[in-house]
Amino acid sequence: MAGIISSFLSSAKLVIHIDGRAVAYATNLSISDRMSVAPVGGIGAYSADALEPLQYSVSGSFAITIYDEATLKAVTKLGKLPERASAHVGTTNYQGNSHLSKNSFSPLHLLISRTIDIDVYEKIPTAAAYAPAGSPADKDMTLTYKIHDVRLTSYSLTFTPGSLLQEQIGFIAMKMEDMMASAVVYNSPETK
């Protein structure tokens, strides 16, 4: 099927922004959006009279591959680093691409910490991306998912011989917004 552009949402086309910062090598983003519902019945009824929502919750996790900041600076001087990683060289708040923040897991700083947002963008190839070789390939990004008011809840490291070091981070949030579903609902004839 030559010349056909895939319309499927693929992980290869997604960019994850955590607290407004595009994170290099953020992988395995998993989000769970839940609504607890319970049947409500009346006295003498054999079946439920209604199904009522009780609680809404959002939780998830993601992994970040860690790199050595000193090595990264040396490689950057040689100009051999991917753009997604070189953009963050020398960022003192996130040393080595880590998202471990002193405010998230320190009992001393927890009360002064703030929530963050996680944004998931889809890279949309434009007509310029399919131009002949040597032409600039421009890619636009569209906000696909937005996770509001995130608090980090767990942090772990995985040391495996022969593989890269990864941080696994768990979180809870106040709300998740699916921008694709919202666009369909708000643009439907029933809502106009």
N, C-alpha and C. Protein backbone atom coordinates (compact mmCIF):
# COMPACT_ATOMS: atom_id res chain seq x y z
N MET A 1 0.84 -1.19 0.00
CA MET A 1 0.00 0.00 0.00
C MET A 1 0.88 1.24 0.00
N ALA A 2 1.62 1.42 -1.06
CA ALA A 2 2.54 2.55 -1.17
C ALA A 2 1.78 3.86 -1.24
N GLY A 3 2.32 4.87 -0.62
CA GLY A 3 1.73 6.20 -0.68
C GLY A 3 0.59 6.43 0.29
N ILE A 4 0.25 5.43 1.12
CA ILE A 4 -0.85 5.58 2.07
C ILE A 4 -0.29 6.00 3.42
N ILE A 5 -0.85 7.03 4.01
CA ILE A 5 -0.43 7.49 5.34
C ILE A 5 -1.25 6.75 6.39
N SER A 6 -0.58 6.15 7.36
CA SER A 6 -1.27 5.42 8.41
C SER A 6 -2.07 6.39 9.28
N SER A 7 -3.32 6.02 9.56
CA SER A 7 -4.16 6.88 10.40
C SER A 7 -4.26 6.35 11.82
N PHE A 8 -3.49 5.31 12.13
CA PHE A 8 -3.53 4.74 13.48
C PHE A 8 -2.65 5.55 14.42
N LEU A 9 -3.08 5.66 15.66
CA LEU A 9 -2.28 6.34 16.67
C LEU A 9 -1.21 5.37 17.15
N SER A 10 0.05 5.71 16.93
CA SER A 10 1.16 4.82 17.22
C SER A 10 2.05 5.45 18.28
N SER A 11 2.63 4.61 19.13
CA SER A 11 3.54 5.12 20.16
C SER A 11 4.74 5.83 19.56
N ALA A 12 5.13 5.44 18.36
CA ALA A 12 6.28 6.06 17.70
C ALA A 12 6.00 7.51 17.33
N LYS A 13 4.73 7.89 17.25
CA LYS A 13 4.36 9.25 16.87
C LYS A 13 4.00 10.12 18.06
N LEU A 14 4.17 9.60 19.29
CA LEU A 14 3.77 10.35 20.48
C LEU A 14 4.95 11.03 21.16
N VAL A 15 4.72 12.20 21.71
CA VAL A 15 5.71 12.95 22.49
C VAL A 15 5.09 13.23 23.85
N ILE A 16 5.80 12.90 24.92
CA ILE A 16 5.28 13.06 26.28
C ILE A 16 5.92 14.30 26.92
N HIS A 17 5.07 15.22 27.37
CA HIS A 17 5.53 16.41 28.10
C HIS A 17 5.11 16.24 29.56
N ILE A 18 6.08 16.29 30.45
CA ILE A 18 5.80 16.19 31.89
C ILE A 18 6.15 17.52 32.52
N ASP A 19 5.16 18.16 33.13
CA ASP A 19 5.33 19.47 33.74
C ASP A 19 5.84 20.49 32.72
N GLY A 20 5.32 20.40 31.49
CA GLY A 20 5.68 21.35 30.44
C GLY A 20 7.00 21.07 29.76
N ARG A 21 7.67 19.95 30.07
CA ARG A 21 8.99 19.64 29.51
C ARG A 21 8.92 18.35 28.73
N ALA A 22 9.33 18.41 27.47
CA ALA A 22 9.39 17.19 26.65
C ALA A 22 10.47 16.29 27.23
N VAL A 23 10.12 15.07 27.60
CA VAL A 23 11.05 14.17 28.27
C VAL A 23 11.63 13.20 27.24
N ALA A 24 12.95 13.21 27.11
CA ALA A 24 13.61 12.28 26.21
C ALA A 24 13.56 10.88 26.81
N TYR A 25 13.23 9.91 25.99
CA TYR A 25 13.23 8.50 26.39
C TYR A 25 12.23 8.19 27.50
N ALA A 26 11.09 8.88 27.51
CA ALA A 26 9.98 8.50 28.40
C ALA A 26 9.19 7.42 27.68
N THR A 27 8.99 6.28 28.33
CA THR A 27 8.31 5.16 27.68
C THR A 27 7.29 4.54 28.62
N ASN A 28 6.53 3.61 28.08
CA ASN A 28 5.59 2.79 28.86
C ASN A 28 4.60 3.61 29.67
N LEU A 29 4.13 4.72 29.09
CA LEU A 29 3.11 5.51 29.78
C LEU A 29 1.81 4.72 29.80
N SER A 30 1.33 4.45 30.99
CA SER A 30 0.09 3.69 31.17
C SER A 30 -0.86 4.52 32.01
N ILE A 31 -2.10 4.70 31.53
CA ILE A 31 -3.07 5.54 32.22
C ILE A 31 -4.34 4.73 32.44
N SER A 32 -4.87 4.80 33.66
CA SER A 32 -6.12 4.12 33.97
C SER A 32 -7.13 5.15 34.45
N ASP A 33 -8.23 5.26 33.72
CA ASP A 33 -9.30 6.21 34.01
C ASP A 33 -10.50 5.40 34.49
N ARG A 34 -10.89 5.51 35.77
CA ARG A 34 -11.92 4.62 36.33
C ARG A 34 -13.09 5.39 36.92
N MET A 35 -14.27 4.80 36.78
CA MET A 35 -15.48 5.32 37.42
C MET A 35 -16.12 4.17 38.18
N SER A 36 -16.16 4.27 39.52
CA SER A 36 -16.81 3.24 40.34
C SER A 36 -18.31 3.48 40.32
N VAL A 37 -19.06 2.43 39.99
CA VAL A 37 -20.52 2.52 39.88
C VAL A 37 -21.14 1.42 40.74
N ALA A 38 -22.25 1.73 41.42
CA ALA A 38 -22.93 0.74 42.26
C ALA A 38 -24.42 0.72 41.93
N PRO A 39 -25.01 -0.48 41.96
CA PRO A 39 -26.46 -0.56 41.75
C PRO A 39 -27.20 -0.11 43.00
N VAL A 40 -28.28 0.64 42.80
CA VAL A 40 -29.10 1.13 43.91
C VAL A 40 -30.49 0.52 43.74
N GLY A 41 -30.95 -0.20 44.76
CA GLY A 41 -32.26 -0.83 44.70
C GLY A 41 -33.17 -0.36 45.81
N GLY A 42 -34.46 -0.56 45.62
CA GLY A 42 -35.44 -0.18 46.64
C GLY A 42 -35.88 -1.41 47.42
N ILE A 43 -36.55 -1.20 48.53
CA ILE A 43 -37.05 -2.30 49.36
C ILE A 43 -38.11 -3.07 48.57
N GLY A 44 -37.97 -4.38 48.52
CA GLY A 44 -38.91 -5.22 47.83
C GLY A 44 -38.68 -5.35 46.34
N ALA A 45 -37.62 -4.68 45.80
CA ALA A 45 -37.34 -4.76 44.36
C ALA A 45 -36.37 -5.90 44.10
N TYR A 46 -36.61 -6.62 43.00
CA TYR A 46 -35.70 -7.70 42.62
C TYR A 46 -34.52 -7.21 41.81
N SER A 47 -34.65 -6.09 41.18
CA SER A 47 -33.55 -5.56 40.36
C SER A 47 -33.21 -4.14 40.83
N ALA A 48 -32.09 -3.66 40.35
CA ALA A 48 -31.65 -2.32 40.74
C ALA A 48 -32.52 -1.27 40.07
N ASP A 49 -32.75 -0.19 40.78
CA ASP A 49 -33.52 0.92 40.23
C ASP A 49 -32.64 1.87 39.42
N ALA A 50 -31.36 1.92 39.77
CA ALA A 50 -30.43 2.82 39.07
C ALA A 50 -29.00 2.32 39.27
N LEU A 51 -28.14 2.76 38.40
CA LEU A 51 -26.70 2.54 38.55
C LEU A 51 -26.08 3.91 38.79
N GLU A 52 -25.59 4.12 39.99
CA GLU A 52 -25.11 5.44 40.39
C GLU A 52 -23.58 5.49 40.49
N PRO A 53 -22.97 6.55 39.93
CA PRO A 53 -21.51 6.70 40.06
C PRO A 53 -21.13 7.08 41.49
N LEU A 54 -20.06 6.44 41.99
CA LEU A 54 -19.62 6.70 43.36
C LEU A 54 -18.30 7.44 43.44
N GLN A 55 -17.36 7.06 42.56
CA GLN A 55 -16.03 7.66 42.65
C GLN A 55 -15.34 7.63 41.30
N TYR A 56 -14.64 8.72 40.99
CA TYR A 56 -13.85 8.83 39.76
C TYR A 56 -12.38 8.88 40.16
N SER A 57 -11.54 8.14 39.46
CA SER A 57 -10.11 8.17 39.79
C SER A 57 -9.26 7.96 38.54
N VAL A 58 -8.08 8.55 38.56
CA VAL A 58 -7.10 8.41 37.48
C VAL A 58 -5.78 8.03 38.11
N SER A 59 -5.13 7.03 37.56
CA SER A 59 -3.79 6.65 38.02
C SER A 59 -3.01 6.12 36.84
N GLY A 60 -1.72 5.97 37.04
CA GLY A 60 -0.91 5.45 35.95
C GLY A 60 0.56 5.36 36.34
N SER A 61 1.37 5.10 35.34
CA SER A 61 2.81 5.00 35.56
C SER A 61 3.53 5.27 34.24
N PHE A 62 4.82 5.55 34.34
CA PHE A 62 5.66 5.70 33.15
C PHE A 62 7.09 5.36 33.54
N ALA A 63 7.92 5.14 32.54
CA ALA A 63 9.33 4.82 32.76
C ALA A 63 10.19 5.84 32.02
N ILE A 64 11.32 6.19 32.61
CA ILE A 64 12.26 7.10 31.98
C ILE A 64 13.63 6.43 31.96
N THR A 65 14.24 6.38 30.80
CA THR A 65 15.60 5.84 30.68
C THR A 65 16.59 6.92 31.09
N ILE A 66 17.48 6.58 32.00
CA ILE A 66 18.43 7.54 32.57
C ILE A 66 19.73 7.53 31.79
N TYR A 67 20.29 8.71 31.60
CA TYR A 67 21.62 8.79 31.00
C TYR A 67 22.56 9.57 31.92
N ASP A 68 23.86 9.36 31.74
CA ASP A 68 24.87 10.01 32.55
C ASP A 68 25.11 11.43 32.04
N GLU A 69 24.92 12.42 32.90
CA GLU A 69 25.00 13.82 32.49
C GLU A 69 26.40 14.19 31.99
N ALA A 70 27.46 13.71 32.65
CA ALA A 70 28.82 14.05 32.22
C ALA A 70 29.12 13.49 30.83
N THR A 71 28.72 12.24 30.59
CA THR A 71 28.92 11.63 29.27
C THR A 71 28.11 12.36 28.22
N LEU A 72 26.90 12.74 28.59
CA LEU A 72 26.02 13.43 27.65
C LEU A 72 26.61 14.76 27.21
N LYS A 73 27.20 15.50 28.15
CA LYS A 73 27.82 16.78 27.80
C LYS A 73 29.00 16.58 26.86
N ALA A 74 29.79 15.53 27.11
CA ALA A 74 30.94 15.25 26.25
C ALA A 74 30.51 14.87 24.85
N VAL A 75 29.48 14.03 24.75
CA VAL A 75 28.99 13.59 23.45
C VAL A 75 28.34 14.75 22.70
N THR A 76 27.68 15.66 23.41
CA THR A 76 27.03 16.81 22.79
C THR A 76 28.05 17.69 22.10
N LYS A 77 29.23 17.83 22.70
CA LYS A 77 30.28 18.65 22.08
C LYS A 77 30.73 18.06 20.75
N LEU A 78 30.61 16.75 20.61
CA LEU A 78 30.97 16.10 19.34
C LEU A 78 29.84 16.20 18.32
N GLY A 79 28.67 16.62 18.77
CA GLY A 79 27.53 16.77 17.87
C GLY A 79 26.91 15.47 17.43
N LYS A 80 26.98 14.42 18.25
CA LYS A 80 26.47 13.11 17.87
C LYS A 80 25.27 12.67 18.70
N LEU A 81 24.55 13.62 19.25
CA LEU A 81 23.46 13.28 20.15
C LEU A 81 22.12 13.58 19.49
N PRO A 82 21.13 12.71 19.66
CA PRO A 82 19.80 13.02 19.10
C PRO A 82 19.25 14.32 19.67
N GLU A 83 18.50 15.04 18.87
CA GLU A 83 17.97 16.34 19.28
C GLU A 83 17.11 16.24 20.53
N ARG A 84 16.33 15.14 20.68
CA ARG A 84 15.43 15.03 21.83
C ARG A 84 16.20 14.93 23.14
N ALA A 85 17.45 14.48 23.10
CA ALA A 85 18.25 14.39 24.32
C ALA A 85 19.11 15.63 24.51
N SER A 86 19.68 16.18 23.43
CA SER A 86 20.59 17.32 23.56
C SER A 86 19.87 18.58 24.01
N ALA A 87 18.57 18.65 23.84
CA ALA A 87 17.81 19.83 24.26
C ALA A 87 17.84 20.01 25.77
N HIS A 88 18.15 18.95 26.53
CA HIS A 88 18.07 19.02 27.98
C HIS A 88 19.43 18.96 28.66
N VAL A 89 20.49 19.09 27.91
CA VAL A 89 21.82 19.04 28.50
C VAL A 89 22.03 20.27 29.39
N GLY A 90 22.50 20.02 30.60
CA GLY A 90 22.78 21.11 31.52
C GLY A 90 21.57 21.60 32.30
N THR A 91 20.45 20.92 32.18
CA THR A 91 19.27 21.30 32.96
C THR A 91 19.47 20.79 34.38
N THR A 92 19.69 21.68 35.29
CA THR A 92 20.05 21.28 36.66
C THR A 92 18.89 20.67 37.42
N ASN A 93 17.65 21.02 37.07
CA ASN A 93 16.51 20.48 37.81
C ASN A 93 16.25 19.01 37.52
N TYR A 94 16.69 18.53 36.37
CA TYR A 94 16.42 17.15 35.96
C TYR A 94 17.73 16.51 35.53
N GLN A 95 18.60 16.28 36.47
CA GLN A 95 19.92 15.74 36.17
C GLN A 95 19.81 14.32 35.61
N GLY A 96 20.44 14.07 34.48
CA GLY A 96 20.46 12.74 33.90
C GLY A 96 19.12 12.28 33.38
N ASN A 97 18.24 13.22 33.04
CA ASN A 97 16.91 12.91 32.51
C ASN A 97 15.97 12.36 33.58
N SER A 98 16.43 12.32 34.83
CA SER A 98 15.61 11.80 35.91
C SER A 98 14.45 12.75 36.20
N HIS A 99 13.32 12.17 36.60
CA HIS A 99 12.21 13.02 37.00
C HIS A 99 12.03 12.98 38.52
N LEU A 100 12.99 12.43 39.22
CA LEU A 100 12.92 12.40 40.67
C LEU A 100 13.12 13.82 41.20
N SER A 101 12.09 14.36 41.80
CA SER A 101 12.14 15.72 42.33
C SER A 101 12.17 15.65 43.85
N LYS A 102 12.94 16.53 44.46
CA LYS A 102 13.03 16.52 45.93
C LYS A 102 11.69 16.84 46.57
N ASN A 103 10.81 17.53 45.85
CA ASN A 103 9.51 17.88 46.41
C ASN A 103 8.51 16.73 46.36
N SER A 104 8.73 15.75 45.49
CA SER A 104 7.74 14.69 45.32
C SER A 104 7.82 13.59 46.36
N PHE A 105 9.02 13.26 46.84
CA PHE A 105 9.17 12.11 47.72
C PHE A 105 9.85 12.42 49.04
N SER A 106 10.08 13.67 49.34
CA SER A 106 10.69 14.05 50.61
C SER A 106 9.61 14.50 51.59
N PRO A 107 9.54 13.88 52.78
CA PRO A 107 8.53 14.31 53.77
C PRO A 107 8.68 15.79 54.14
N LEU A 108 9.91 16.29 54.09
CA LEU A 108 10.17 17.68 54.45
C LEU A 108 9.57 18.63 53.42
N HIS A 109 9.67 18.28 52.11
CA HIS A 109 9.24 19.18 51.05
C HIS A 109 7.83 18.87 50.52
N LEU A 110 7.22 17.79 50.97
CA LEU A 110 5.95 17.35 50.39
C LEU A 110 4.84 18.38 50.54
N LEU A 111 4.80 19.05 51.69
CA LEU A 111 3.72 20.02 51.92
C LEU A 111 3.84 21.26 51.06
N ILE A 112 5.03 21.56 50.55
CA ILE A 112 5.18 22.73 49.68
C ILE A 112 5.24 22.34 48.20
N SER A 113 5.06 21.06 47.92
CA SER A 113 5.12 20.63 46.52
C SER A 113 3.83 21.02 45.81
N ARG A 114 3.86 20.97 44.50
CA ARG A 114 2.70 21.33 43.70
C ARG A 114 2.40 20.21 42.71
N THR A 115 1.22 20.22 42.16
CA THR A 115 0.86 19.22 41.16
C THR A 115 1.45 19.60 39.81
N ILE A 116 1.55 18.61 38.93
CA ILE A 116 2.05 18.84 37.58
C ILE A 116 1.01 18.30 36.60
N ASP A 117 1.17 18.63 35.34
CA ASP A 117 0.33 18.09 34.27
C ASP A 117 1.19 17.24 33.35
N ILE A 118 0.57 16.21 32.77
CA ILE A 118 1.23 15.39 31.76
C ILE A 118 0.44 15.56 30.47
N ASP A 119 1.12 15.97 29.41
CA ASP A 119 0.51 16.16 28.10
C ASP A 119 1.10 15.16 27.12
N VAL A 120 0.24 14.52 26.35
CA VAL A 120 0.69 13.57 25.33
C VAL A 120 0.32 14.17 23.98
N TYR A 121 1.33 14.40 23.14
CA TYR A 121 1.13 14.98 21.82
C TYR A 121 1.36 13.92 20.74
N GLU A 122 0.64 14.08 19.63
CA GLU A 122 0.88 13.23 18.47
C GLU A 122 1.58 14.08 17.42
N LYS A 123 2.69 13.56 16.88
CA LYS A 123 3.38 14.25 15.79
C LYS A 123 2.61 13.99 14.50
N ILE A 124 2.09 15.04 13.90
CA ILE A 124 1.33 14.93 12.66
C ILE A 124 2.24 15.33 11.51
N PRO A 125 2.54 14.41 10.60
CA PRO A 125 3.39 14.78 9.46
C PRO A 125 2.65 15.74 8.53
N THR A 126 3.32 16.79 8.13
CA THR A 126 2.73 17.74 7.19
C THR A 126 3.19 17.40 5.79
N ALA A 127 2.70 18.14 4.82
CA ALA A 127 3.07 17.88 3.43
C ALA A 127 4.58 18.03 3.23
N ALA A 128 5.22 18.92 4.01
CA ALA A 128 6.66 19.13 3.88
C ALA A 128 7.45 17.88 4.27
N ALA A 129 6.85 17.03 5.14
CA ALA A 129 7.55 15.83 5.59
C ALA A 129 7.67 14.80 4.47
N TYR A 130 6.85 14.93 3.44
CA TYR A 130 6.89 13.98 2.34
C TYR A 130 7.51 14.58 1.09
N ALA A 131 8.25 15.66 1.28
CA ALA A 131 8.95 16.29 0.17
C ALA A 131 10.17 15.45 -0.20
N PRO A 132 10.78 15.71 -1.35
CA PRO A 132 11.96 14.94 -1.76
C PRO A 132 13.09 15.04 -0.75
N ALA A 133 14.02 14.08 -0.83
CA ALA A 133 15.16 14.04 0.10
C ALA A 133 15.91 15.35 0.06
N GLY A 134 16.33 15.81 1.22
CA GLY A 134 17.06 17.07 1.32
C GLY A 134 16.16 18.24 1.66
N SER A 135 14.85 18.08 1.54
CA SER A 135 13.92 19.15 1.89
C SER A 135 13.68 19.13 3.39
N PRO A 136 13.36 20.28 3.98
CA PRO A 136 13.07 20.28 5.42
C PRO A 136 11.79 19.51 5.70
N ALA A 137 11.82 18.64 6.70
CA ALA A 137 10.65 17.84 7.08
C ALA A 137 10.07 18.43 8.36
N ASP A 138 8.97 19.12 8.21
CA ASP A 138 8.34 19.77 9.36
C ASP A 138 7.25 18.88 9.92
N LYS A 139 7.15 18.82 11.25
CA LYS A 139 6.10 18.03 11.89
C LYS A 139 5.35 18.90 12.88
N ASP A 140 4.04 18.92 12.76
CA ASP A 140 3.20 19.63 13.72
C ASP A 140 2.82 18.65 14.82
N MET A 141 2.47 19.17 15.99
CA MET A 141 2.05 18.31 17.10
C MET A 141 0.65 18.71 17.55
N THR A 142 -0.16 17.70 17.82
CA THR A 142 -1.53 17.90 18.28
C THR A 142 -1.68 17.29 19.66
N LEU A 143 -2.26 18.04 20.59
CA LEU A 143 -2.50 17.53 21.94
C LEU A 143 -3.54 16.42 21.87
N THR A 144 -3.18 15.23 22.35
CA THR A 144 -4.06 14.06 22.26
C THR A 144 -4.67 13.73 23.62
N TYR A 145 -3.84 13.69 24.67
CA TYR A 145 -4.32 13.42 26.02
C TYR A 145 -3.72 14.44 26.97
N LYS A 146 -4.51 14.85 27.96
CA LYS A 146 -4.01 15.76 29.00
C LYS A 146 -4.42 15.18 30.35
N ILE A 147 -3.43 15.00 31.22
CA ILE A 147 -3.67 14.47 32.56
C ILE A 147 -3.44 15.64 33.53
N HIS A 148 -4.50 16.01 34.24
CA HIS A 148 -4.48 17.22 35.07
C HIS A 148 -4.12 16.90 36.52
N ASP A 149 -3.36 17.81 37.13
CA ASP A 149 -3.07 17.80 38.57
C ASP A 149 -2.53 16.45 39.05
N VAL A 150 -1.37 16.11 38.54
CA VAL A 150 -0.72 14.83 38.84
C VAL A 150 0.14 14.95 40.09
N ARG A 151 0.07 13.93 40.93
CA ARG A 151 0.99 13.78 42.07
C ARG A 151 1.72 12.46 41.90
N LEU A 152 3.04 12.49 42.06
CA LEU A 152 3.83 11.26 41.95
C LEU A 152 3.65 10.45 43.24
N THR A 153 3.44 9.14 43.09
CA THR A 153 3.16 8.29 44.26
C THR A 153 4.20 7.21 44.50
N SER A 154 4.93 6.81 43.47
CA SER A 154 5.93 5.76 43.66
C SER A 154 7.10 5.98 42.72
N TYR A 155 8.24 5.48 43.15
CA TYR A 155 9.48 5.65 42.39
C TYR A 155 10.33 4.42 42.60
N SER A 156 10.77 3.81 41.51
CA SER A 156 11.65 2.64 41.65
C SER A 156 12.65 2.61 40.50
N LEU A 157 13.74 1.93 40.75
CA LEU A 157 14.80 1.77 39.74
C LEU A 157 14.93 0.30 39.39
N THR A 158 15.28 0.04 38.15
CA THR A 158 15.51 -1.33 37.71
C THR A 158 16.94 -1.45 37.23
N PHE A 159 17.73 -2.25 37.93
CA PHE A 159 19.11 -2.53 37.52
C PHE A 159 19.14 -3.93 36.92
N THR A 160 19.33 -4.04 35.62
CA THR A 160 19.38 -5.32 34.95
C THR A 160 20.68 -5.40 34.17
N PRO A 161 21.48 -6.46 34.38
CA PRO A 161 22.74 -6.57 33.63
C PRO A 161 22.49 -6.54 32.12
N GLY A 162 23.28 -5.74 31.44
CA GLY A 162 23.18 -5.68 29.98
C GLY A 162 22.08 -4.77 29.46
N SER A 163 21.39 -4.04 30.36
CA SER A 163 20.34 -3.15 29.88
C SER A 163 20.49 -1.77 30.52
N LEU A 164 19.76 -0.81 30.00
CA LEU A 164 19.86 0.56 30.47
C LEU A 164 19.10 0.74 31.79
N LEU A 165 19.54 1.72 32.58
CA LEU A 165 18.89 2.03 33.85
C LEU A 165 17.59 2.77 33.58
N GLN A 166 16.52 2.33 34.23
CA GLN A 166 15.22 2.98 34.07
C GLN A 166 14.61 3.32 35.41
N GLU A 167 13.93 4.48 35.45
CA GLU A 167 13.11 4.85 36.59
C GLU A 167 11.66 4.50 36.26
N GLN A 168 11.00 3.83 37.17
CA GLN A 168 9.56 3.60 37.03
C GLN A 168 8.86 4.52 38.02
N ILE A 169 7.94 5.32 37.52
CA ILE A 169 7.27 6.32 38.35
C ILE A 169 5.76 6.10 38.28
N GLY A 170 5.12 6.02 39.44
CA GLY A 170 3.67 5.89 39.52
C GLY A 170 3.05 7.22 39.90
N PHE A 171 1.81 7.43 39.49
CA PHE A 171 1.15 8.70 39.80
C PHE A 171 -0.36 8.52 39.95
N ILE A 172 -0.97 9.51 40.58
CA ILE A 172 -2.43 9.64 40.59
C ILE A 172 -2.73 11.05 40.08
N ALA A 173 -3.95 11.25 39.60
CA ALA A 173 -4.30 12.54 39.03
C ALA A 173 -5.76 12.86 39.33
N MET A 174 -6.12 14.10 39.14
CA MET A 174 -7.50 14.53 39.36
C MET A 174 -8.40 14.21 38.17
N LYS A 175 -7.84 14.32 36.95
CA LYS A 175 -8.68 14.16 35.76
C LYS A 175 -7.82 13.84 34.54
N MET A 176 -8.36 13.03 33.64
CA MET A 176 -7.72 12.80 32.35
C MET A 176 -8.66 13.25 31.25
N GLU A 177 -8.13 13.94 30.28
CA GLU A 177 -8.94 14.45 29.17
C GLU A 177 -8.47 13.83 27.87
N ASP A 178 -9.35 13.15 27.19
CA ASP A 178 -9.07 12.58 25.87
C ASP A 178 -9.51 13.61 24.85
N MET A 179 -8.55 14.29 24.24
CA MET A 179 -8.87 15.39 23.32
C MET A 179 -9.56 14.90 22.05
N MET A 180 -9.24 13.70 21.59
CA MET A 180 -9.88 13.18 20.39
C MET A 180 -11.35 12.89 20.66
N ALA A 181 -11.66 12.28 21.81
CA ALA A 181 -13.05 11.99 22.16
C ALA A 181 -13.80 13.29 22.42
N SER A 182 -13.17 14.26 23.07
CA SER A 182 -13.82 15.55 23.35
C SER A 182 -14.17 16.27 22.06
N ALA A 183 -13.29 16.20 21.07
CA ALA A 183 -13.55 16.87 19.78
C ALA A 183 -14.76 16.26 19.10
N VAL A 184 -14.92 14.95 19.20
CA VAL A 184 -16.07 14.28 18.58
C VAL A 184 -17.35 14.66 19.30
N VAL A 185 -17.32 14.65 20.65
CA VAL A 185 -18.52 14.95 21.43
C VAL A 185 -18.94 16.40 21.25
N TYR A 186 -18.00 17.36 21.34
CA TYR A 186 -18.35 18.77 21.28
C TYR A 186 -18.69 19.24 19.87
N ASN A 187 -18.29 18.49 18.85
CA ASN A 187 -18.59 18.88 17.47
C ASN A 187 -19.74 18.08 16.88
N SER A 188 -20.37 17.22 17.67
CA SER A 188 -21.46 16.41 17.15
C SER A 188 -22.72 17.26 16.99
N PRO A 189 -23.62 16.86 16.06
CA PRO A 189 -24.85 17.65 15.86
C PRO A 189 -25.73 17.74 17.11
N GLU A 190 -25.66 16.72 18.00
CA GLU A 190 -26.50 16.73 19.19
C GLU A 190 -26.12 17.83 20.17
N THR A 191 -24.84 18.25 20.17
CA THR A 191 -24.39 19.26 21.13
C THR A 191 -24.45 20.67 20.57
N LYS A 192 -24.82 20.80 19.31
CA LYS A 192 -24.87 22.15 18.71
C LYS A 192 -26.27 22.71 18.80
